[in-house]
Amino acid sequence: MGLSLADRYRYRPAGSGLTWADVSCFDRDFDTGFGEAVLIRDYAALAKADPLTPDCTLGGVSRKAWIRMDGAPMLLKTEEGTSSFITQSELLSARLTERLLDKGDHVAYTKVGFAGKNYIACRSMVGDCEEFVPAHDVLCAMGLTDADSVKYISKDDELLAQFTKALTELGVENVGAYFAKIAAVFNLSLAGDCHLQNFGFIRDLNTMKLRSAPLFDMGRSFGSFGKSLENGRFSCAEYAIESARTMFVMMLFHSILIRSDWDFGRYEPARLEGFEDEMDSMLAVCTDIPKEYIEMLKEAFRYQLDYLNKAAGKA
């Protein structure tokens, strides 16, 4: 997850006098050789790379690396395989969050070129005196380990009440509004990667209080969660198109229960007007998916939007 960009829990030689400012990658230039080697899978190049890099704890199945661009660290990532649908669907979900949420409530994603290849890229969502705390860590600290994604939290009254109480005591404000944002975006994007490491909170390391983190990592959305094969990954479009029922099974599997007691005061359905046109334009470049599948996605989006509007009292 790129957590070492802000990881202060490092060993240092006794008597060295090193401080966090000496090794922090926020303001210090760092060698991109390690990150480049990871992105292009040139492991022999790692022997020549500077080990003082923020890339040592990146997890997940995507290729990821921190590269310093325009004077700041930027996270670059790409999926295995050659499907343009995987990239375009994540950019589309990023566009959805831009429409739906205010600036600061989501991480902005864009496409950038690096070392001869295109990547999805974003800036760090934490500052030099902050760190990301996944929802998983908070729940584990509470001794609540039954849930594995946000949808299970929303369906369990007791679990949700305990989680909300703990977050409020840790300084998180407007917890109900945060859950409303997560549910709205995840439902409308058909997010297939809403596990407990993919949303959470940011801790101020001076006060140790938490605040809700902006929404990030919207990959595996709009049906692009993929399936492992020997030659990489392919989108679910290649088999979902065989039956419209598959799309609605996917919706049922990924949908988050929207609770009317959450705070949807900032949700404005009008901000989504014309989004289906963007779905058409952004997915039109994906030659590896049939046009019929795009129509199915639009139908699923309309279905989810209708559910959201009714549950949020905005119908």
Protein backbone atom coordinates (compact mmCIF):
# COMPACT_ATOMS: atom_id res chain seq x y z
CA MET A 1 0.00 0.00 0.00
CA GLY A 2 3.00 2.30 -0.15
CA LEU A 3 2.87 2.80 3.60
CA SER A 4 6.63 3.15 3.94
CA LEU A 5 6.43 6.60 2.40
CA ALA A 6 5.28 7.72 5.85
CA ASP A 7 6.71 4.90 7.93
CA ARG A 8 8.64 6.22 10.90
CA TYR A 9 9.10 2.80 12.46
CA ARG A 10 12.60 2.20 11.12
CA TYR A 11 15.81 1.00 12.70
CA ARG A 12 18.86 3.24 12.68
CA PRO A 13 22.46 2.54 13.67
CA ALA A 14 23.17 3.43 17.30
CA GLY A 15 24.80 6.82 17.58
CA SER A 16 24.14 7.71 13.94
CA GLY A 17 22.15 10.82 14.76
CA LEU A 18 19.81 10.22 11.81
CA THR A 19 16.42 11.88 12.07
CA TRP A 20 13.15 11.32 10.21
CA ALA A 21 13.87 14.47 8.19
CA ASP A 22 17.10 12.87 6.93
CA VAL A 23 15.35 9.83 5.47
CA SER A 24 11.82 11.05 4.71
CA CYS A 25 10.94 10.66 1.04
CA PHE A 26 8.38 13.46 1.11
CA ASP A 27 10.88 16.28 0.61
CA ARG A 28 14.06 14.37 -0.22
CA ASP A 29 14.95 13.24 -3.73
CA PHE A 30 15.27 9.48 -3.92
CA ASP A 31 16.62 7.08 -6.49
CA THR A 32 13.85 5.80 -8.78
CA GLY A 33 15.91 2.80 -9.85
CA PHE A 34 14.20 0.52 -7.34
CA GLY A 35 10.74 1.60 -8.44
CA GLU A 36 11.59 1.29 -12.13
CA ALA A 37 12.91 -2.22 -11.60
CA VAL A 38 9.69 -3.21 -9.82
CA LEU A 39 7.45 -1.71 -12.51
CA ILE A 40 9.22 -3.39 -15.43
CA ARG A 41 10.05 -6.57 -13.49
CA ASP A 42 13.80 -6.18 -14.03
CA TYR A 43 14.93 -7.72 -10.77
CA ALA A 44 18.58 -7.76 -11.77
CA ALA A 45 18.49 -3.97 -11.68
CA LEU A 46 17.61 -4.04 -7.98
CA ALA A 47 21.26 -4.77 -7.17
CA LYS A 48 22.18 -1.32 -8.49
CA ALA A 49 19.29 0.55 -6.84
CA ASP A 50 19.50 2.64 -3.69
CA PRO A 51 17.71 0.72 -0.90
CA LEU A 52 16.66 3.98 0.80
CA THR A 53 13.38 4.04 -1.09
CA PRO A 54 9.69 4.18 -0.17
CA ASP A 55 8.90 1.12 -2.30
CA CYS A 56 9.87 -1.66 0.07
CA THR A 57 6.42 -2.36 1.57
CA LEU A 58 4.14 -2.04 -1.44
CA GLY A 59 1.56 -4.83 -1.38
CA GLY A 60 -1.29 -6.08 -3.51
CA VAL A 61 -1.41 -7.74 -6.91
CA SER A 62 -0.81 -4.62 -9.02
CA ARG A 63 2.65 -3.43 -9.96
CA LYS A 64 3.27 -0.31 -7.88
CA ALA A 65 6.14 2.08 -7.24
CA TRP A 66 6.73 5.58 -5.91
CA ILE A 67 8.38 7.79 -8.52
CA ARG A 68 9.35 11.38 -7.84
CA MET A 69 7.68 13.55 -10.49
CA ASP A 70 7.31 17.34 -10.59
CA GLY A 71 9.03 17.64 -7.23
CA ALA A 72 6.73 15.27 -5.32
CA PRO A 73 6.34 11.52 -4.82
CA MET A 74 3.72 9.98 -7.11
CA LEU A 75 2.43 6.42 -6.92
CA LEU A 76 2.37 4.63 -10.27
CA LYS A 77 0.56 1.35 -10.74
CA THR A 78 -0.55 -1.00 -13.48
CA GLU A 79 -2.33 -4.31 -13.77
CA GLU A 80 -0.92 -7.40 -15.39
CA GLY A 81 -2.11 -8.10 -18.92
CA THR A 82 -2.86 -5.81 -21.83
CA SER A 83 -6.60 -5.09 -21.40
CA SER A 84 -7.33 -1.39 -21.81
CA PHE A 85 -10.61 -1.97 -19.98
CA ILE A 86 -8.79 -2.40 -16.67
CA THR A 87 -7.13 1.02 -16.99
CA GLN A 88 -10.14 2.83 -18.41
CA SER A 89 -12.52 1.49 -15.78
CA GLU A 90 -10.32 2.84 -13.00
CA LEU A 91 -10.10 6.23 -14.69
CA LEU A 92 -13.89 6.13 -15.10
CA SER A 93 -14.39 5.39 -11.40
CA ALA A 94 -12.02 8.26 -10.60
CA ARG A 95 -14.18 10.52 -12.75
CA LEU A 96 -17.24 9.29 -10.84
CA THR A 97 -15.71 10.29 -7.50
CA GLU A 98 -14.76 13.70 -8.90
CA ARG A 99 -18.39 14.28 -9.81
CA LEU A 100 -19.86 12.83 -6.65
CA LEU A 101 -17.49 14.09 -3.95
CA ASP A 102 -15.85 17.35 -3.00
CA LYS A 103 -12.13 17.99 -3.48
CA GLY A 104 -10.25 16.43 -0.59
CA ASP A 105 -12.79 13.61 -0.20
CA HIS A 106 -11.13 11.49 -2.88
CA VAL A 107 -7.70 10.85 -4.35
CA ALA A 108 -7.30 12.19 -7.90
CA TYR A 109 -6.06 9.67 -10.47
CA THR A 110 -4.65 10.30 -13.90
CA LYS A 111 -2.79 8.49 -16.66
CA VAL A 112 0.94 9.20 -16.97
CA GLY A 113 3.73 7.86 -19.12
CA PHE A 114 6.87 6.47 -17.54
CA ALA A 115 9.70 4.37 -18.96
CA GLY A 116 7.79 3.88 -22.20
CA LYS A 117 4.53 2.68 -20.65
CA ASN A 118 1.28 4.20 -19.37
CA TYR A 119 0.34 3.97 -15.70
CA ILE A 120 -2.43 5.06 -13.37
CA ALA A 121 -0.93 7.66 -11.04
CA CYS A 122 -1.82 9.61 -7.91
CA ARG A 123 -0.21 11.85 -5.32
CA SER A 124 0.22 10.79 -1.71
CA MET A 125 -2.91 11.26 0.40
CA VAL A 126 -0.92 11.68 3.62
CA GLY A 127 1.38 14.47 4.72
CA ASP A 128 4.79 14.33 6.34
CA CYS A 129 3.31 14.10 9.85
CA GLU A 130 0.50 11.68 9.04
CA GLU A 131 -0.03 7.99 8.39
CA PHE A 132 -2.79 5.87 6.91
CA VAL A 133 -4.67 3.52 9.25
CA PRO A 134 -6.76 0.92 7.37
CA ALA A 135 -10.23 0.11 8.69
CA HIS A 136 -8.93 -3.44 9.15
CA ASP A 137 -6.43 -2.26 11.79
CA VAL A 138 -9.09 -0.38 13.76
CA LEU A 139 -11.44 -3.35 13.78
CA CYS A 140 -8.65 -5.74 14.80
CA ALA A 141 -7.67 -3.42 17.67
CA MET A 142 -11.30 -3.62 18.80
CA GLY A 143 -11.23 -7.41 18.63
CA LEU A 144 -13.78 -7.39 15.78
CA THR A 145 -12.48 -9.65 13.05
CA ASP A 146 -15.63 -11.12 11.50
CA ALA A 147 -15.96 -8.56 8.70
CA ASP A 148 -13.75 -8.66 5.61
CA SER A 149 -15.24 -5.77 3.62
CA VAL A 150 -17.28 -2.64 4.16
CA LYS A 151 -20.46 -4.37 2.96
CA TYR A 152 -20.39 -6.71 5.95
CA ILE A 153 -20.07 -3.77 8.34
CA SER A 154 -23.13 -2.10 6.83
CA LYS A 155 -25.25 -5.25 7.22
CA ASP A 156 -24.40 -5.92 10.87
CA ASP A 157 -26.18 -3.52 13.24
CA GLU A 158 -24.09 -4.39 16.29
CA LEU A 159 -20.78 -4.31 14.42
CA LEU A 160 -21.61 -0.98 12.80
CA ALA A 161 -22.62 0.54 16.14
CA GLN A 162 -19.38 -0.57 17.83
CA PHE A 163 -17.27 0.59 14.90
CA THR A 164 -18.98 3.98 14.77
CA LYS A 165 -18.57 4.49 18.52
CA ALA A 166 -14.87 3.60 18.40
CA LEU A 167 -14.21 5.94 15.48
CA THR A 168 -15.97 8.82 17.20
CA GLU A 169 -13.87 8.28 20.33
CA LEU A 170 -10.73 8.30 18.15
CA GLY A 171 -11.62 11.74 16.83
CA VAL A 172 -13.27 10.89 13.51
CA GLU A 173 -15.99 13.44 12.76
CA ASN A 174 -19.18 12.86 10.76
CA VAL A 175 -18.78 9.08 10.63
CA GLY A 176 -22.23 8.69 9.12
CA ALA A 177 -21.33 11.03 6.25
CA TYR A 178 -18.15 9.04 5.60
CA PHE A 179 -20.05 5.76 5.38
CA ALA A 180 -22.54 7.45 3.04
CA LYS A 181 -19.73 8.50 0.68
CA ILE A 182 -18.22 5.02 0.65
CA ALA A 183 -21.55 3.31 0.00
CA ALA A 184 -22.52 5.74 -2.77
CA VAL A 185 -19.24 5.49 -4.67
CA PHE A 186 -18.73 1.75 -4.22
CA ASN A 187 -22.29 0.96 -5.29
CA LEU A 188 -22.33 3.20 -8.36
CA SER A 189 -18.92 2.01 -9.56
CA LEU A 190 -19.66 -1.68 -8.88
CA ALA A 191 -16.40 -1.72 -6.95
CA GLY A 192 -15.07 -5.24 -6.54
CA ASP A 193 -12.15 -4.36 -4.29
CA CYS A 194 -13.82 -2.81 -1.23
CA HIS A 195 -11.89 -4.80 1.35
CA LEU A 196 -10.88 -3.38 4.73
CA GLN A 197 -7.43 -2.24 3.56
CA ASN A 198 -8.95 -0.08 0.82
CA PHE A 199 -10.63 2.46 3.04
CA GLY A 200 -9.76 3.88 6.42
CA PHE A 201 -8.41 6.84 8.29
CA ILE A 202 -5.48 9.21 8.55
CA ARG A 203 -3.75 9.64 11.88
CA ASP A 204 -2.20 12.95 12.87
CA LEU A 205 1.09 11.87 14.46
CA ASN A 206 1.18 14.95 16.68
CA THR A 207 -2.29 14.58 18.20
CA MET A 208 -2.79 10.85 17.37
CA LYS A 209 -6.39 11.61 16.37
CA LEU A 210 -7.97 10.08 13.29
CA ARG A 211 -9.90 11.63 10.44
CA SER A 212 -11.57 9.88 7.53
CA ALA A 213 -9.25 9.23 4.60
CA PRO A 214 -10.20 10.28 1.08
CA LEU A 215 -11.53 7.49 -1.11
CA PHE A 216 -8.74 5.82 -3.06
CA ASP A 217 -7.84 2.76 -5.16
CA MET A 218 -10.96 2.40 -7.25
CA GLY A 219 -9.56 -0.38 -9.39
CA ARG A 220 -11.54 -3.53 -10.16
CA SER A 221 -14.59 -1.37 -10.86
CA PHE A 222 -17.32 -1.47 -13.53
CA GLY A 223 -16.82 -5.20 -13.99
CA SER A 224 -13.06 -5.13 -14.57
CA PHE A 225 -12.06 -7.19 -11.56
CA GLY A 226 -10.55 -9.80 -13.88
CA LYS A 227 -9.80 -13.47 -13.55
CA SER A 228 -6.38 -15.09 -13.31
CA LEU A 229 -5.12 -17.00 -16.32
CA GLU A 230 -1.69 -18.26 -17.34
CA ASN A 231 -1.21 -15.27 -19.65
CA GLY A 232 -2.28 -12.62 -17.14
CA ARG A 233 -5.74 -11.19 -16.53
CA PHE A 234 -8.88 -10.63 -18.50
CA SER A 235 -11.97 -8.65 -17.65
CA CYS A 236 -15.16 -10.30 -16.56
CA ALA A 237 -16.73 -8.87 -19.73
CA GLU A 238 -15.44 -11.88 -21.62
CA TYR A 239 -17.77 -14.18 -19.73
CA ALA A 240 -20.39 -11.84 -18.24
CA ILE A 241 -21.61 -10.86 -21.70
CA GLU A 242 -22.84 -14.42 -22.15
CA SER A 243 -25.69 -13.72 -19.76
CA ALA A 244 -27.25 -10.51 -18.52
CA ARG A 245 -27.94 -12.32 -15.26
CA THR A 246 -24.19 -12.38 -14.55
CA MET A 247 -24.17 -8.59 -14.34
CA PHE A 248 -26.90 -8.50 -11.73
CA VAL A 249 -25.27 -11.29 -9.74
CA MET A 250 -22.16 -9.11 -9.72
CA MET A 251 -24.23 -6.15 -8.52
CA LEU A 252 -25.70 -8.24 -5.71
CA PHE A 253 -22.25 -9.45 -4.68
CA HIS A 254 -20.60 -6.01 -4.63
CA SER A 255 -23.47 -3.83 -3.42
CA ILE A 256 -23.22 -2.21 -0.01
CA LEU A 257 -26.37 -1.91 2.08
CA ILE A 258 -27.27 1.78 2.19
CA ARG A 259 -28.66 2.78 5.57
CA SER A 260 -31.11 5.65 5.78
CA ASP A 261 -29.59 6.86 9.07
CA TRP A 262 -26.31 7.72 7.36
CA ASP A 263 -25.77 11.36 6.47
CA PHE A 264 -26.47 11.91 2.76
CA GLY A 265 -26.83 15.66 3.18
CA ARG A 266 -23.94 16.39 0.80
CA TYR A 267 -25.09 13.95 -1.85
CA GLU A 268 -26.46 15.72 -4.94
CA PRO A 269 -27.84 13.44 -7.69
CA ALA A 270 -27.66 16.32 -10.17
CA ARG A 271 -23.86 16.05 -10.14
CA LEU A 272 -24.20 12.71 -11.94
CA GLU A 273 -26.18 14.03 -14.90
CA GLY A 274 -24.49 12.98 -18.14
CA PHE A 275 -22.27 10.37 -16.50
CA GLU A 276 -23.60 7.66 -18.79
CA ASP A 277 -22.24 9.66 -21.73
CA GLU A 278 -18.84 9.59 -20.05
CA MET A 279 -19.15 5.85 -19.66
CA ASP A 280 -19.71 5.61 -23.41
CA SER A 281 -16.80 7.88 -24.34
CA MET A 282 -14.25 6.49 -21.86
CA LEU A 283 -15.02 2.84 -22.57
CA ALA A 284 -15.34 3.25 -26.34
CA VAL A 285 -11.54 2.89 -26.64
CA CYS A 286 -11.70 -0.59 -25.09
CA THR A 287 -11.64 -2.79 -28.13
CA ASP A 288 -11.44 -5.89 -25.95
CA ILE A 289 -15.02 -5.57 -24.65
CA PRO A 290 -18.21 -5.75 -26.73
CA LYS A 291 -20.50 -2.72 -26.98
CA GLU A 292 -23.31 -4.78 -25.49
CA TYR A 293 -21.34 -5.01 -22.27
CA ILE A 294 -21.11 -1.22 -22.02
CA GLU A 295 -24.90 -1.07 -22.33
CA MET A 296 -25.16 -3.62 -19.53
CA LEU A 297 -22.89 -1.47 -17.36
CA LYS A 298 -25.05 1.57 -17.99
CA GLU A 299 -28.16 -0.39 -17.05
CA ALA A 300 -26.48 -1.54 -13.85
CA PHE A 301 -25.44 2.05 -13.09
CA ARG A 302 -29.05 3.23 -13.51
CA TYR A 303 -30.27 0.45 -11.23
CA GLN A 304 -27.74 1.32 -8.53
CA LEU A 305 -28.43 5.03 -8.87
CA ASP A 306 -32.15 4.46 -8.40
CA TYR A 307 -31.44 2.40 -5.27
CA LEU A 308 -29.09 5.07 -3.92
CA ASN A 309 -31.54 7.91 -4.51
CA LYS A 310 -34.40 6.07 -2.82
CA ALA A 311 -32.33 4.94 0.17
CA ALA A 312 -30.82 8.42 0.59
CA GLY A 313 -34.21 10.11 0.38
CA LYS A 314 -33.26 11.91 -2.84
CA ALA A 315 -35.65 10.17 -5.25
